[in-house]
Amino acid sequence: PGVGDVRVSFEYVKCGPTTVMALQDGRSFLPYRAVRRGAWCFAQRSNDSVKKQLLSVGRQSVDELIESRQGELGNLACCCCLSNTVEGCCAVVNTPQIEYASQTHEDSLQVFRRITAEASTKKWLFRAAGWLVMYLGQYLTFAPLITLFSVIPFINKLVATSIFLLCGVTTALVSLCVAGVACLVYHPRDALLVAL
């Protein structure tokens, strides 16, 4: 081998107070990823089977995790092709897991607050990006109308403003509905409390 054929790098953590929030696997750590524990509160599984599944899911790479989640649909996977593609892209950027390390001593509550704040920020950034893409798509759908009415000066501005407002209002309502349904599916107790 010549110079530059192989590159080796080493990382180390200095001795001192350390905080780690992850899934422990013997003498190492894995990312903690949520697993299904049973439908709602019924048919709860034993702790041993949950621990085995947590370790199995924690050992998977992000690509393996995406493939296993898409494989859960079975024959219906072809119906959800677009949804699976979007989920795969988002999972690469934002894998739902807890894997935190710090070179200071931190309280577990403090760590969970930081992780929750980061997750909330990512969630709102994804929602804003989704709204923006939806808005641009709807606005570009109606853009030929603006061109069509560009011959008449007064009506052109009125149509352009109307389309701008229409697209903004409808996409905001659709985004709120999607966020509400997602909250109802993933946090049903909180969604029902807010609805009441």
C-alpha atoms as a PDB file:
ATOM      1  CA  PRO A   1       0.000   0.000   0.000  1.00  0.00           C
ATOM      2  CA  GLY A   2       1.099   3.507  -0.768  1.00  0.00           C
ATOM      3  CA  VAL A   3       0.933   6.618   1.362  1.00  0.00           C
ATOM      4  CA  GLY A   4      -2.659   7.755   1.764  1.00  0.00           C
ATOM      5  CA  ASP A   5      -4.316   4.419   0.856  1.00  0.00           C
ATOM      6  CA  VAL A   6      -5.647   3.863   4.355  1.00  0.00           C
ATOM      7  CA  ARG A   7      -6.706   6.450   6.882  1.00  0.00           C
ATOM      8  CA  VAL A   8      -7.084   5.509  10.525  1.00  0.00           C
ATOM      9  CA  SER A   9      -8.517   7.811  13.164  1.00  0.00           C
ATOM     10  CA  PHE A  10      -8.922   7.408  16.897  1.00  0.00           C
ATOM     11  CA  GLU A  11     -11.208   9.195  19.322  1.00  0.00           C
ATOM     12  CA  TYR A  12     -10.950   9.186  23.058  1.00  0.00           C
ATOM     13  CA  VAL A  13     -12.720  10.738  25.986  1.00  0.00           C
ATOM     14  CA  LYS A  14     -10.642  12.173  28.793  1.00  0.00           C
ATOM     15  CA  CYS A  15     -11.178  10.762  32.262  1.00  0.00           C
ATOM     16  CA  GLY A  16     -13.582  12.784  34.354  1.00  0.00           C
ATOM     17  CA  PRO A  17     -17.256  13.209  35.061  1.00  0.00           C
ATOM     18  CA  THR A  18     -19.379  11.924  32.197  1.00  0.00           C
ATOM     19  CA  THR A  19     -23.097  11.620  31.496  1.00  0.00           C
ATOM     20  CA  VAL A  20     -24.402   8.973  29.095  1.00  0.00           C
ATOM     21  CA  MET A  21     -28.056   8.478  28.181  1.00  0.00           C
ATOM     22  CA  ALA A  22     -28.374   5.397  25.955  1.00  0.00           C
ATOM     23  CA  LEU A  23     -29.177   1.677  26.016  1.00  0.00           C
ATOM     24  CA  GLN A  24     -26.498  -0.350  27.782  1.00  0.00           C
ATOM     25  CA  ASP A  25     -25.322  -3.482  26.008  1.00  0.00           C
ATOM     26  CA  GLY A  26     -22.763  -5.214  28.174  1.00  0.00           C
ATOM     27  CA  ARG A  27     -19.744  -2.910  28.254  1.00  0.00           C
ATOM     28  CA  SER A  28     -20.944  -0.700  25.418  1.00  0.00           C
ATOM     29  CA  PHE A  29     -23.881   1.559  24.576  1.00  0.00           C
ATOM     30  CA  LEU A  30     -26.467   1.460  21.816  1.00  0.00           C
ATOM     31  CA  PRO A  31     -29.041   4.038  20.735  1.00  0.00           C
ATOM     32  CA  TYR A  32     -32.315   3.684  22.629  1.00  0.00           C
ATOM     33  CA  ARG A  33     -35.154   3.361  20.120  1.00  0.00           C
ATOM     34  CA  ALA A  34     -38.812   2.892  20.939  1.00  0.00           C
ATOM     35  CA  VAL A  35     -40.344  -0.540  20.327  1.00  0.00           C
ATOM     36  CA  ARG A  36     -43.936  -1.685  20.284  1.00  0.00           C
ATOM     37  CA  ARG A  37     -45.004  -2.920  23.707  1.00  0.00           C
ATOM     38  CA  GLY A  38     -48.577  -3.919  22.888  1.00  0.00           C
ATOM     39  CA  ALA A  39     -51.751  -2.252  21.715  1.00  0.00           C
ATOM     40  CA  TRP A  40     -52.575   0.568  24.142  1.00  0.00           C
ATOM     41  CA  CYS A  41     -52.543  -1.039  27.576  1.00  0.00           C
ATOM     42  CA  PHE A  42     -53.697  -4.510  26.522  1.00  0.00           C
ATOM     43  CA  ALA A  43     -51.537  -7.543  25.818  1.00  0.00           C
ATOM     44  CA  GLN A  44     -48.463  -6.219  27.600  1.00  0.00           C
ATOM     45  CA  ARG A  45     -45.282  -8.163  26.894  1.00  0.00           C
ATOM     46  CA  SER A  46     -42.794  -9.430  29.426  1.00  0.00           C
ATOM     47  CA  ASN A  47     -39.792  -7.273  30.336  1.00  0.00           C
ATOM     48  CA  ASP A  48     -37.369  -9.866  28.957  1.00  0.00           C
ATOM     49  CA  SER A  49     -38.923  -9.843  25.494  1.00  0.00           C
ATOM     50  CA  VAL A  50     -38.977  -6.017  25.492  1.00  0.00           C
ATOM     51  CA  LYS A  51     -35.283  -5.912  26.518  1.00  0.00           C
ATOM     52  CA  LYS A  52     -34.372  -8.365  23.735  1.00  0.00           C
ATOM     53  CA  GLN A  53     -36.257  -6.298  21.177  1.00  0.00           C
ATOM     54  CA  LEU A  54     -34.656  -3.038  22.443  1.00  0.00           C
ATOM     55  CA  LEU A  55     -31.192  -4.587  22.011  1.00  0.00           C
ATOM     56  CA  SER A  56     -32.091  -5.970  18.577  1.00  0.00           C
ATOM     57  CA  VAL A  57     -33.416  -2.615  17.339  1.00  0.00           C
ATOM     58  CA  GLY A  58     -30.484  -0.742  18.918  1.00  0.00           C
ATOM     59  CA  ARG A  59     -27.962  -2.880  17.020  1.00  0.00           C
ATOM     60  CA  GLN A  60     -29.564  -2.094  13.650  1.00  0.00           C
ATOM     61  CA  SER A  61     -28.122   0.554  11.372  1.00  0.00           C
ATOM     62  CA  VAL A  62     -30.409   3.371  10.205  1.00  0.00           C
ATOM     63  CA  ASP A  63     -30.836   1.663   6.797  1.00  0.00           C
ATOM     64  CA  GLU A  64     -31.777  -1.656   8.435  1.00  0.00           C
ATOM     65  CA  LEU A  65     -34.216   0.174  10.713  1.00  0.00           C
ATOM     66  CA  ILE A  66     -35.933   1.836   7.734  1.00  0.00           C
ATOM     67  CA  GLU A  67     -36.154  -1.473   5.849  1.00  0.00           C
ATOM     68  CA  SER A  68     -37.604  -3.313   8.854  1.00  0.00           C
ATOM     69  CA  ARG A  69     -40.259  -0.636   9.407  1.00  0.00           C
ATOM     70  CA  GLN A  70     -41.251  -0.689   5.742  1.00  0.00           C
ATOM     71  CA  GLY A  71     -41.400  -4.480   5.832  1.00  0.00           C
ATOM     72  CA  GLU A  72     -44.050  -4.333   8.578  1.00  0.00           C
ATOM     73  CA  LEU A  73     -46.668  -3.350   5.989  1.00  0.00           C
ATOM     74  CA  GLY A  74     -46.323  -6.586   4.030  1.00  0.00           C
ATOM     75  CA  ASN A  75     -48.427  -6.588   0.842  1.00  0.00           C
ATOM     76  CA  LEU A  76     -49.669  -3.048   1.523  1.00  0.00           C
ATOM     77  CA  ALA A  77     -46.176  -1.578   1.114  1.00  0.00           C
ATOM     78  CA  CYS A  78     -46.840  -0.753  -2.565  1.00  0.00           C
ATOM     79  CA  CYS A  79     -49.801   1.446  -1.516  1.00  0.00           C
ATOM     80  CA  CYS A  80     -47.570   3.517   0.732  1.00  0.00           C
ATOM     81  CA  CYS A  81     -44.573   3.950  -1.570  1.00  0.00           C
ATOM     82  CA  LEU A  82     -44.509   7.755  -1.392  1.00  0.00           C
ATOM     83  CA  SER A  83     -45.083   7.753   2.365  1.00  0.00           C
ATOM     84  CA  ASN A  84     -42.290   5.208   2.879  1.00  0.00           C
ATOM     85  CA  THR A  85     -39.921   7.297   0.756  1.00  0.00           C
ATOM     86  CA  VAL A  86     -40.606  10.420   2.811  1.00  0.00           C
ATOM     87  CA  GLU A  87     -40.280   8.457   6.061  1.00  0.00           C
ATOM     88  CA  GLY A  88     -36.956   7.028   4.888  1.00  0.00           C
ATOM     89  CA  CYS A  89     -35.583  10.481   4.032  1.00  0.00           C
ATOM     90  CA  CYS A  90     -36.710  11.899   7.372  1.00  0.00           C
ATOM     91  CA  ALA A  91     -35.363   8.909   9.321  1.00  0.00           C
ATOM     92  CA  VAL A  92     -31.895   9.462   7.864  1.00  0.00           C
ATOM     93  CA  VAL A  93     -31.916  13.069   9.069  1.00  0.00           C
ATOM     94  CA  ASN A  94     -33.904  12.581  12.261  1.00  0.00           C
ATOM     95  CA  THR A  95     -33.732   9.020  13.589  1.00  0.00           C
ATOM     96  CA  PRO A  96     -36.038   8.749  16.621  1.00  0.00           C
ATOM     97  CA  GLN A  97     -33.560   7.604  19.241  1.00  0.00           C
ATOM     98  CA  ILE A  98     -31.832   8.615  22.439  1.00  0.00           C
ATOM     99  CA  GLU A  99     -28.045   8.542  22.288  1.00  0.00           C
ATOM    100  CA  TYR A 100     -26.553  11.311  24.380  1.00  0.00           C
ATOM    101  CA  ALA A 101     -23.082  11.774  25.857  1.00  0.00           C
ATOM    102  CA  SER A 102     -21.607  14.727  27.699  1.00  0.00           C
ATOM    103  CA  GLN A 103     -18.242  15.342  29.363  1.00  0.00           C
ATOM    104  CA  THR A 104     -19.914  16.897  32.385  1.00  0.00           C
ATOM    105  CA  HIS A 105     -22.064  15.533  35.163  1.00  0.00           C
ATOM    106  CA  GLU A 106     -25.730  16.218  34.418  1.00  0.00           C
ATOM    107  CA  ASP A 107     -28.933  15.247  36.160  1.00  0.00           C
ATOM    108  CA  SER A 108     -31.160  12.823  34.205  1.00  0.00           C
ATOM    109  CA  LEU A 109     -34.036  15.306  34.293  1.00  0.00           C
ATOM    110  CA  GLN A 110     -31.753  17.993  32.835  1.00  0.00           C
ATOM    111  CA  VAL A 111     -30.702  15.609  30.029  1.00  0.00           C
ATOM    112  CA  PHE A 112     -34.305  14.701  29.211  1.00  0.00           C
ATOM    113  CA  ARG A 113     -35.239  18.384  29.089  1.00  0.00           C
ATOM    114  CA  ARG A 114     -32.413  19.058  26.633  1.00  0.00           C
ATOM    115  CA  ILE A 115     -33.348  16.049  24.456  1.00  0.00           C
ATOM    116  CA  THR A 116     -37.029  17.063  24.521  1.00  0.00           C
ATOM    117  CA  ALA A 117     -36.194  20.658  23.569  1.00  0.00           C
ATOM    118  CA  GLU A 118     -34.020  19.482  20.641  1.00  0.00           C
ATOM    119  CA  ALA A 119     -36.754  17.087  19.461  1.00  0.00           C
ATOM    120  CA  SER A 120     -39.374  19.827  19.698  1.00  0.00           C
ATOM    121  CA  THR A 121     -37.209  22.206  17.670  1.00  0.00           C
ATOM    122  CA  LYS A 122     -36.677  19.564  14.981  1.00  0.00           C
ATOM    123  CA  LYS A 123     -40.411  18.792  14.929  1.00  0.00           C
ATOM    124  CA  TRP A 124     -41.353  22.447  14.355  1.00  0.00           C
ATOM    125  CA  LEU A 125     -38.644  22.884  11.701  1.00  0.00           C
ATOM    126  CA  PHE A 126     -40.000  19.849   9.820  1.00  0.00           C
ATOM    127  CA  ARG A 127     -43.549  21.190  10.139  1.00  0.00           C
ATOM    128  CA  ALA A 128     -42.473  24.601   8.811  1.00  0.00           C
ATOM    129  CA  ALA A 129     -40.610  22.996   5.899  1.00  0.00           C
ATOM    130  CA  GLY A 130     -43.654  20.826   5.131  1.00  0.00           C
ATOM    131  CA  TRP A 131     -45.933  23.854   5.154  1.00  0.00           C
ATOM    132  CA  LEU A 132     -43.566  25.812   2.912  1.00  0.00           C
ATOM    133  CA  VAL A 133     -43.374  22.990   0.360  1.00  0.00           C
ATOM    134  CA  MET A 134     -47.167  22.610   0.437  1.00  0.00           C
ATOM    135  CA  TYR A 135     -47.616  26.373   0.021  1.00  0.00           C
ATOM    136  CA  LEU A 136     -45.194  26.570  -2.913  1.00  0.00           C
ATOM    137  CA  GLY A 137     -46.866  23.600  -4.583  1.00  0.00           C
ATOM    138  CA  GLN A 138     -50.320  25.090  -4.282  1.00  0.00           C
ATOM    139  CA  TYR A 139     -49.158  28.567  -5.327  1.00  0.00           C
ATOM    140  CA  LEU A 140     -47.412  27.185  -8.405  1.00  0.00           C
ATOM    141  CA  THR A 141     -50.584  25.284  -9.287  1.00  0.00           C
ATOM    142  CA  PHE A 142     -52.490  28.575  -9.458  1.00  0.00           C
ATOM    143  CA  ALA A 143     -49.626  30.578 -11.021  1.00  0.00           C
ATOM    144  CA  PRO A 144     -51.001  30.184 -14.575  1.00  0.00           C
ATOM    145  CA  LEU A 145     -54.082  32.162 -13.469  1.00  0.00           C
ATOM    146  CA  ILE A 146     -51.859  35.096 -12.529  1.00  0.00           C
ATOM    147  CA  THR A 147     -50.241  34.944 -15.964  1.00  0.00           C
ATOM    148  CA  LEU A 148     -53.652  34.661 -17.615  1.00  0.00           C
ATOM    149  CA  PHE A 149     -54.924  37.824 -15.892  1.00  0.00           C
ATOM    150  CA  SER A 150     -51.653  39.763 -16.293  1.00  0.00           C
ATOM    151  CA  VAL A 151     -53.119  41.648 -19.243  1.00  0.00           C
ATOM    152  CA  ILE A 152     -55.564  43.547 -17.033  1.00  0.00           C
ATOM    153  CA  PRO A 153     -53.579  45.581 -14.459  1.00  0.00           C
ATOM    154  CA  PHE A 154     -56.189  45.964 -11.721  1.00  0.00           C
ATOM    155  CA  ILE A 155     -57.481  42.390 -11.910  1.00  0.00           C
ATOM    156  CA  ASN A 156     -53.923  41.014 -12.066  1.00  0.00           C
ATOM    157  CA  LYS A 157     -53.075  42.420  -8.624  1.00  0.00           C
ATOM    158  CA  LEU A 158     -56.417  41.315  -7.209  1.00  0.00           C
ATOM    159  CA  VAL A 159     -56.023  37.752  -8.534  1.00  0.00           C
ATOM    160  CA  ALA A 160     -52.396  37.555  -7.368  1.00  0.00           C
ATOM    161  CA  THR A 161     -53.307  38.756  -3.859  1.00  0.00           C
ATOM    162  CA  SER A 162     -56.317  36.446  -3.700  1.00  0.00           C
ATOM    163  CA  ILE A 163     -54.261  33.427  -4.724  1.00  0.00           C
ATOM    164  CA  PHE A 164     -51.523  34.371  -2.246  1.00  0.00           C
ATOM    165  CA  LEU A 165     -54.053  34.546   0.608  1.00  0.00           C
ATOM    166  CA  LEU A 166     -56.001  31.477  -0.517  1.00  0.00           C
ATOM    167  CA  CYS A 167     -52.857  29.362  -0.672  1.00  0.00           C
ATOM    168  CA  GLY A 168     -51.671  30.611   2.714  1.00  0.00           C
ATOM    169  CA  VAL A 169     -54.982  29.953   4.481  1.00  0.00           C
ATOM    170  CA  THR A 170     -55.676  26.551   2.938  1.00  0.00           C
ATOM    171  CA  THR A 171     -52.175  25.203   3.489  1.00  0.00           C
ATOM    172  CA  ALA A 172     -52.177  26.472   7.091  1.00  0.00           C
ATOM    173  CA  LEU A 173     -55.488  24.686   7.724  1.00  0.00           C
ATOM    174  CA  VAL A 174     -54.254  21.467   6.117  1.00  0.00           C
ATOM    175  CA  SER A 175     -51.019  21.638   8.139  1.00  0.00           C
ATOM    176  CA  LEU A 176     -52.972  22.121  11.368  1.00  0.00           C
ATOM    177  CA  CYS A 177     -55.215  19.170  10.515  1.00  0.00           C
ATOM    178  CA  VAL A 178     -52.214  16.935   9.758  1.00  0.00           C
ATOM    179  CA  ALA A 179     -50.508  17.982  13.012  1.00  0.00           C
ATOM    180  CA  GLY A 180     -53.767  17.357  14.912  1.00  0.00           C
ATOM    181  CA  VAL A 181     -54.190  13.868  13.464  1.00  0.00           C
ATOM    182  CA  ALA A 182     -50.539  13.056  14.197  1.00  0.00           C
ATOM    183  CA  CYS A 183     -50.994  14.254  17.776  1.00  0.00           C
ATOM    184  CA  LEU A 184     -54.152  12.157  18.096  1.00  0.00           C
ATOM    185  CA  VAL A 185     -52.358   9.054  16.815  1.00  0.00           C
ATOM    186  CA  TYR A 186     -49.081   9.424  18.756  1.00  0.00           C
ATOM    187  CA  HIS A 187     -50.305  11.257  21.895  1.00  0.00           C
ATOM    188  CA  PRO A 188     -54.027  10.426  22.217  1.00  0.00           C
ATOM    189  CA  ARG A 189     -54.314  11.410  25.893  1.00  0.00           C
ATOM    190  CA  ASP A 190     -52.757  14.846  25.340  1.00  0.00           C
ATOM    191  CA  ALA A 191     -54.810  15.438  22.182  1.00  0.00           C
ATOM    192  CA  LEU A 192     -58.063  14.630  23.972  1.00  0.00           C
ATOM    193  CA  LEU A 193     -57.150  16.946  26.854  1.00  0.00           C
ATOM    194  CA  VAL A 194     -56.458  19.790  24.421  1.00  0.00           C
ATOM    195  CA  ALA A 195     -59.702  19.101  22.542  1.00  0.00           C
ATOM    196  CA  LEU A 196     -61.726  19.320  25.738  1.00  0.00           C
END
